[in-house]
Amino acid sequence: METKRKRIIPLVLVVGSYLALAATVVFIARSGGLTPEEALLSLVGLFGLYVGFGILIVVYRLINKLE
């Protein structure tokens, strides 16, 4: 039970931070600071950053297990 909880907490934090940043982008777009195309591009870029850093973290942890 404890190990399951240890795995869920970081996942919830990552999803929460992504949703908070995405909501900020949407809010700025709704207030007129960004065009819809710029907002979509920002959201896609933000998603790409999360995926890229996620892959980087997974590879780092796999390399540490090899040593």
PDB file of N, CA and C in Angstrom:
ATOM      1  N   MET A   1       0.827  -1.197   0.000  1.00  0.00           N
ATOM      2  CA  MET A   1       0.000   0.000   0.000  1.00  0.00           C
ATOM      3  C   MET A   1       0.871   1.260   0.000  1.00  0.00           C
ATOM      4  N   GLU A   2       1.939   1.248   0.790  1.00  0.00           N
ATOM      5  CA  GLU A   2       2.808   2.424   0.899  1.00  0.00           C
ATOM      6  C   GLU A   2       3.549   2.701  -0.407  1.00  0.00           C
ATOM      7  N   THR A   3       4.025   1.653  -1.095  1.00  0.00           N
ATOM      8  CA  THR A   3       4.738   1.877  -2.357  1.00  0.00           C
ATOM      9  C   THR A   3       3.792   2.372  -3.443  1.00  0.00           C
ATOM     10  N   LYS A   4       2.553   1.917  -3.400  1.00  0.00           N
ATOM     11  CA  LYS A   4       1.570   2.397  -4.366  1.00  0.00           C
ATOM     12  C   LYS A   4       1.319   3.888  -4.160  1.00  0.00           C
ATOM     13  N   ARG A   5       1.263   4.296  -2.912  1.00  0.00           N
ATOM     14  CA  ARG A   5       1.042   5.706  -2.590  1.00  0.00           C
ATOM     15  C   ARG A   5       2.240   6.557  -3.012  1.00  0.00           C
ATOM     16  N   LYS A   6       3.445   6.020  -2.854  1.00  0.00           N
ATOM     17  CA  LYS A   6       4.653   6.748  -3.245  1.00  0.00           C
ATOM     18  C   LYS A   6       4.699   6.979  -4.746  1.00  0.00           C
ATOM     19  N   ARG A   7       4.108   6.108  -5.522  1.00  0.00           N
ATOM     20  CA  ARG A   7       4.093   6.260  -6.976  1.00  0.00           C
ATOM     21  C   ARG A   7       2.983   7.194  -7.436  1.00  0.00           C
ATOM     22  N   ILE A   8       1.894   7.243  -6.705  1.00  0.00           N
ATOM     23  CA  ILE A   8       0.757   8.054  -7.122  1.00  0.00           C
ATOM     24  C   ILE A   8       0.980   9.532  -6.812  1.00  0.00           C
ATOM     25  N   ILE A   9       1.616   9.852  -5.693  1.00  0.00           N
ATOM     26  CA  ILE A   9       1.794  11.247  -5.289  1.00  0.00           C
ATOM     27  C   ILE A   9       2.569  12.062  -6.324  1.00  0.00           C
ATOM     28  N   PRO A  10       3.724  11.598  -6.829  1.00  0.00           N
ATOM     29  CA  PRO A  10       4.404  12.400  -7.859  1.00  0.00           C
ATOM     30  C   PRO A  10       3.573  12.550  -9.140  1.00  0.00           C
ATOM     31  N   LEU A  11       2.842  11.522  -9.500  1.00  0.00           N
ATOM     32  CA  LEU A  11       2.000  11.589 -10.686  1.00  0.00           C
ATOM     33  C   LEU A  11       0.915  12.653 -10.521  1.00  0.00           C
ATOM     34  N   VAL A  12       0.303  12.689  -9.362  1.00  0.00           N
ATOM     35  CA  VAL A  12      -0.727  13.688  -9.087  1.00  0.00           C
ATOM     36  C   VAL A  12      -0.125  15.093  -9.100  1.00  0.00           C
ATOM     37  N   LEU A  13       1.073  15.250  -8.568  1.00  0.00           N
ATOM     38  CA  LEU A  13       1.723  16.561  -8.562  1.00  0.00           C
ATOM     39  C   LEU A  13       2.068  17.029  -9.981  1.00  0.00           C
ATOM     40  N   VAL A  14       2.550  16.124 -10.809  1.00  0.00           N
ATOM     41  CA  VAL A  14       2.892  16.484 -12.192  1.00  0.00           C
ATOM     42  C   VAL A  14       1.639  16.867 -12.968  1.00  0.00           C
ATOM     43  N   VAL A  15       0.599  16.072 -12.849  1.00  0.00           N
ATOM     44  CA  VAL A  15      -0.653  16.375 -13.556  1.00  0.00           C
ATOM     45  C   VAL A  15      -1.239  17.690 -13.050  1.00  0.00           C
ATOM     46  N   GLY A  16      -1.184  17.906 -11.746  1.00  0.00           N
ATOM     47  CA  GLY A  16      -1.696  19.151 -11.180  1.00  0.00           C
ATOM     48  C   GLY A  16      -0.934  20.367 -11.657  1.00  0.00           C
ATOM     49  N   SER A  17       0.391  20.252 -11.733  1.00  0.00           N
ATOM     50  CA  SER A  17       1.179  21.397 -12.198  1.00  0.00           C
ATOM     51  C   SER A  17       0.926  21.667 -13.679  1.00  0.00           C
ATOM     52  N   TYR A  18       0.765  20.606 -14.478  1.00  0.00           N
ATOM     53  CA  TYR A  18       0.457  20.805 -15.895  1.00  0.00           C
ATOM     54  C   TYR A  18      -0.896  21.487 -16.057  1.00  0.00           C
ATOM     55  N   LEU A  19      -1.880  21.016 -15.307  1.00  0.00           N
ATOM     56  CA  LEU A  19      -3.208  21.614 -15.424  1.00  0.00           C
ATOM     57  C   LEU A  19      -3.211  23.069 -14.965  1.00  0.00           C
ATOM     58  N   ALA A  20      -2.430  23.393 -13.936  1.00  0.00           N
ATOM     59  CA  ALA A  20      -2.353  24.778 -13.478  1.00  0.00           C
ATOM     60  C   ALA A  20      -1.724  25.675 -14.542  1.00  0.00           C
ATOM     61  N   LEU A  21      -0.646  25.209 -15.157  1.00  0.00           N
ATOM     62  CA  LEU A  21      -0.010  26.000 -16.214  1.00  0.00           C
ATOM     63  C   LEU A  21      -0.909  26.110 -17.450  1.00  0.00           C
ATOM     64  N   ALA A  22      -1.602  25.018 -17.779  1.00  0.00           N
ATOM     65  CA  ALA A  22      -2.518  25.047 -18.923  1.00  0.00           C
ATOM     66  C   ALA A  22      -3.675  26.007 -18.653  1.00  0.00           C
ATOM     67  N   ALA A  23      -4.183  26.006 -17.427  1.00  0.00           N
ATOM     68  CA  ALA A  23      -5.260  26.931 -17.074  1.00  0.00           C
ATOM     69  C   ALA A  23      -4.782  28.374 -17.158  1.00  0.00           C
ATOM     70  N   THR A  24      -3.527  28.622 -16.798  1.00  0.00           N
ATOM     71  CA  THR A  24      -2.967  29.968 -16.908  1.00  0.00           C
ATOM     72  C   THR A  24      -2.898  30.407 -18.370  1.00  0.00           C
ATOM     73  N   VAL A  25      -2.469  29.511 -19.241  1.00  0.00           N
ATOM     74  CA  VAL A  25      -2.404  29.833 -20.677  1.00  0.00           C
ATOM     75  C   VAL A  25      -3.804  30.118 -21.210  1.00  0.00           C
ATOM     76  N   VAL A  26      -4.777  29.304 -20.825  1.00  0.00           N
ATOM     77  CA  VAL A  26      -6.149  29.508 -21.283  1.00  0.00           C
ATOM     78  C   VAL A  26      -6.695  30.832 -20.755  1.00  0.00           C
ATOM     79  N   PHE A  27      -6.399  31.157 -19.503  1.00  0.00           N
ATOM     80  CA  PHE A  27      -6.854  32.419 -18.926  1.00  0.00           C
ATOM     81  C   PHE A  27      -6.266  33.610 -19.683  1.00  0.00           C
ATOM     82  N   ILE A  28      -4.984  33.543 -19.985  1.00  0.00           N
ATOM     83  CA  ILE A  28      -4.344  34.634 -20.731  1.00  0.00           C
ATOM     84  C   ILE A  28      -4.945  34.749 -22.127  1.00  0.00           C
ATOM     85  N   ALA A  29      -5.247  33.611 -22.738  1.00  0.00           N
ATOM     86  CA  ALA A  29      -5.854  33.640 -24.074  1.00  0.00           C
ATOM     87  C   ALA A  29      -7.262  34.231 -24.014  1.00  0.00           C
ATOM     88  N   ARG A  30      -8.022  33.865 -22.995  1.00  0.00           N
ATOM     89  CA  ARG A  30      -9.383  34.390 -22.857  1.00  0.00           C
ATOM     90  C   ARG A  30      -9.390  35.890 -22.584  1.00  0.00           C
ATOM     91  N   SER A  31      -8.378  36.374 -21.873  1.00  0.00           N
ATOM     92  CA  SER A  31      -8.338  37.797 -21.554  1.00  0.00           C
ATOM     93  C   SER A  31      -7.811  38.631 -22.720  1.00  0.00           C
ATOM     94  N   GLY A  32      -7.382  37.981 -23.778  1.00  0.00           N
ATOM     95  CA  GLY A  32      -6.953  38.698 -24.968  1.00  0.00           C
ATOM     96  C   GLY A  32      -5.454  38.865 -25.098  1.00  0.00           C
ATOM     97  N   GLY A  33      -4.691  38.281 -24.214  1.00  0.00           N
ATOM     98  CA  GLY A  33      -3.243  38.400 -24.275  1.00  0.00           C
ATOM     99  C   GLY A  33      -2.606  37.529 -25.338  1.00  0.00           C
ATOM    100  N   LEU A  34      -3.303  36.464 -25.712  1.00  0.00           N
ATOM    101  CA  LEU A  34      -2.809  35.541 -26.744  1.00  0.00           C
ATOM    102  C   LEU A  34      -3.923  35.277 -27.748  1.00  0.00           C
ATOM    103  N   THR A  35      -3.521  35.045 -28.974  1.00  0.00           N
ATOM    104  CA  THR A  35      -4.490  34.589 -29.963  1.00  0.00           C
ATOM    105  C   THR A  35      -4.733  33.093 -29.731  1.00  0.00           C
ATOM    106  N   PRO A  36      -5.825  32.557 -30.255  1.00  0.00           N
ATOM    107  CA  PRO A  36      -6.075  31.119 -30.078  1.00  0.00           C
ATOM    108  C   PRO A  36      -4.943  30.240 -30.627  1.00  0.00           C
ATOM    109  N   GLU A  37      -4.334  30.670 -31.719  1.00  0.00           N
ATOM    110  CA  GLU A  37      -3.235  29.885 -32.292  1.00  0.00           C
ATOM    111  C   GLU A  37      -2.022  29.901 -31.368  1.00  0.00           C
ATOM    112  N   GLU A  38      -1.729  31.054 -30.789  1.00  0.00           N
ATOM    113  CA  GLU A  38      -0.600  31.141 -29.855  1.00  0.00           C
ATOM    114  C   GLU A  38      -0.859  30.325 -28.598  1.00  0.00           C
ATOM    115  N   ALA A  39      -2.099  30.339 -28.132  1.00  0.00           N
ATOM    116  CA  ALA A  39      -2.450  29.554 -26.949  1.00  0.00           C
ATOM    117  C   ALA A  39      -2.305  28.061 -27.231  1.00  0.00           C
ATOM    118  N   LEU A  40      -2.770  27.623 -28.387  1.00  0.00           N
ATOM    119  CA  LEU A  40      -2.650  26.211 -28.745  1.00  0.00           C
ATOM    120  C   LEU A  40      -1.184  25.807 -28.874  1.00  0.00           C
ATOM    121  N   LEU A  41      -0.397  26.667 -29.500  1.00  0.00           N
ATOM    122  CA  LEU A  41       1.024  26.393 -29.631  1.00  0.00           C
ATOM    123  C   LEU A  41       1.704  26.332 -28.265  1.00  0.00           C
ATOM    124  N   SER A  42       1.309  27.211 -27.355  1.00  0.00           N
ATOM    125  CA  SER A  42       1.873  27.198 -26.003  1.00  0.00           C
ATOM    126  C   SER A  42       1.510  25.908 -25.273  1.00  0.00           C
ATOM    127  N   LEU A  43       0.271  25.461 -25.420  1.00  0.00           N
ATOM    128  CA  LEU A  43      -0.150  24.223 -24.757  1.00  0.00           C
ATOM    129  C   LEU A  43       0.573  23.008 -25.330  1.00  0.00           C
ATOM    130  N   VAL A  44       0.747  22.974 -26.638  1.00  0.00           N
ATOM    131  CA  VAL A  44       1.472  21.864 -27.258  1.00  0.00           C
ATOM    132  C   VAL A  44       2.939  21.886 -26.833  1.00  0.00           C
ATOM    133  N   GLY A  45       3.532  23.070 -26.789  1.00  0.00           N
ATOM    134  CA  GLY A  45       4.921  23.192 -26.333  1.00  0.00           C
ATOM    135  C   GLY A  45       5.080  22.778 -24.886  1.00  0.00           C
ATOM    136  N   LEU A  46       4.129  23.173 -24.047  1.00  0.00           N
ATOM    137  CA  LEU A  46       4.171  22.791 -22.631  1.00  0.00           C
ATOM    138  C   LEU A  46       4.067  21.278 -22.478  1.00  0.00           C
ATOM    139  N   PHE A  47       3.175  20.665 -23.252  1.00  0.00           N
ATOM    140  CA  PHE A  47       3.046  19.204 -23.215  1.00  0.00           C
ATOM    141  C   PHE A  47       4.339  18.537 -23.672  1.00  0.00           C
ATOM    142  N   GLY A  48       4.958  19.086 -24.717  1.00  0.00           N
ATOM    143  CA  GLY A  48       6.230  18.543 -25.206  1.00  0.00           C
ATOM    144  C   GLY A  48       7.329  18.631 -24.158  1.00  0.00           C
ATOM    145  N   LEU A  49       7.360  19.736 -23.417  1.00  0.00           N
ATOM    146  CA  LEU A  49       8.355  19.857 -22.343  1.00  0.00           C
ATOM    147  C   LEU A  49       8.143  18.799 -21.266  1.00  0.00           C
ATOM    148  N   TYR A  50       6.895  18.585 -20.887  1.00  0.00           N
ATOM    149  CA  TYR A  50       6.619  17.580 -19.859  1.00  0.00           C
ATOM    150  C   TYR A  50       6.994  16.177 -20.342  1.00  0.00           C
ATOM    151  N   VAL A  51       6.664  15.860 -21.595  1.00  0.00           N
ATOM    152  CA  VAL A  51       7.022  14.542 -22.133  1.00  0.00           C
ATOM    153  C   VAL A  51       8.533  14.403 -22.240  1.00  0.00           C
ATOM    154  N   GLY A  52       9.201  15.428 -22.750  1.00  0.00           N
ATOM    155  CA  GLY A  52      10.658  15.375 -22.914  1.00  0.00           C
ATOM    156  C   GLY A  52      11.386  15.198 -21.594  1.00  0.00           C
ATOM    157  N   PHE A  53      11.016  15.992 -20.603  1.00  0.00           N
ATOM    158  CA  PHE A  53      11.663  15.853 -19.302  1.00  0.00           C
ATOM    159  C   PHE A  53      11.281  14.542 -18.623  1.00  0.00           C
ATOM    160  N   GLY A  54      10.089  14.043 -18.897  1.00  0.00           N
ATOM    161  CA  GLY A  54       9.693  12.739 -18.354  1.00  0.00           C
ATOM    162  C   GLY A  54      10.561  11.624 -18.908  1.00  0.00           C
ATOM    163  N   ILE A  55      10.821  11.665 -20.213  1.00  0.00           N
ATOM    164  CA  ILE A  55      11.706  10.671 -20.829  1.00  0.00           C
ATOM    165  C   ILE A  55      13.115  10.801 -20.266  1.00  0.00           C
ATOM    166  N   LEU A  56      13.582  12.028 -20.095  1.00  0.00           N
ATOM    167  CA  LEU A  56      14.912  12.262 -19.533  1.00  0.00           C
ATOM    168  C   LEU A  56      15.029  11.681 -18.118  1.00  0.00           C
ATOM    169  N   ILE A  57      14.006  11.855 -17.304  1.00  0.00           N
ATOM    170  CA  ILE A  57      14.025  11.322 -15.935  1.00  0.00           C
ATOM    171  C   ILE A  57      14.005   9.798 -15.947  1.00  0.00           C
ATOM    172  N   VAL A  58      13.215   9.204 -16.833  1.00  0.00           N
ATOM    173  CA  VAL A  58      13.147   7.739 -16.914  1.00  0.00           C
ATOM    174  C   VAL A  58      14.494   7.167 -17.337  1.00  0.00           C
ATOM    175  N   VAL A  59      15.127   7.766 -18.328  1.00  0.00           N
ATOM    176  CA  VAL A  59      16.435   7.289 -18.789  1.00  0.00           C
ATOM    177  C   VAL A  59      17.471   7.440 -17.679  1.00  0.00           C
ATOM    178  N   TYR A  60      17.448   8.553 -16.966  1.00  0.00           N
ATOM    179  CA  TYR A  60      18.383   8.774 -15.857  1.00  0.00           C
ATOM    180  C   TYR A  60      18.216   7.701 -14.783  1.00  0.00           C
ATOM    181  N   ARG A  61      16.985   7.379 -14.456  1.00  0.00           N
ATOM    182  CA  ARG A  61      16.742   6.349 -13.419  1.00  0.00           C
ATOM    183  C   ARG A  61      17.168   4.968 -13.904  1.00  0.00           C
ATOM    184  N   LEU A  62      16.972   4.682 -15.203  1.00  0.00           N
ATOM    185  CA  LEU A  62      17.403   3.392 -15.740  1.00  0.00           C
ATOM    186  C   LEU A  62      18.923   3.278 -15.730  1.00  0.00           C
ATOM    187  N   ILE A  63      19.618   4.350 -16.061  1.00  0.00           N
ATOM    188  CA  ILE A  63      21.081   4.337 -16.049  1.00  0.00           C
ATOM    189  C   ILE A  63      21.599   4.143 -14.630  1.00  0.00           C
ATOM    190  N   ASN A  64      20.953   4.774 -13.651  1.00  0.00           N
ATOM    191  CA  ASN A  64      21.379   4.604 -12.256  1.00  0.00           C
ATOM    192  C   ASN A  64      21.184   3.170 -11.788  1.00  0.00           C
ATOM    193  N   LYS A  65      20.160   2.478 -12.296  1.00  0.00           N
ATOM    194  CA  LYS A  65      19.949   1.088 -11.916  1.00  0.00           C
ATOM    195  C   LYS A  65      21.026   0.180 -12.506  1.00  0.00           C
ATOM    196  N   LEU A  66      21.602   0.567 -13.635  1.00  0.00           N
ATOM    197  CA  LEU A  66      22.631  -0.255 -14.260  1.00  0.00           C
ATOM    198  C   LEU A  66      23.941  -0.214 -13.483  1.00  0.00           C
ATOM    199  N   GLU A  67      24.200   0.905 -12.830  1.00  0.00           N
ATOM    200  CA  GLU A  67      25.491   1.048 -12.132  1.00  0.00           C
ATOM    201  C   GLU A  67      25.524   0.339 -10.813  1.00  0.00           C
TER     202      GLU A  67
END
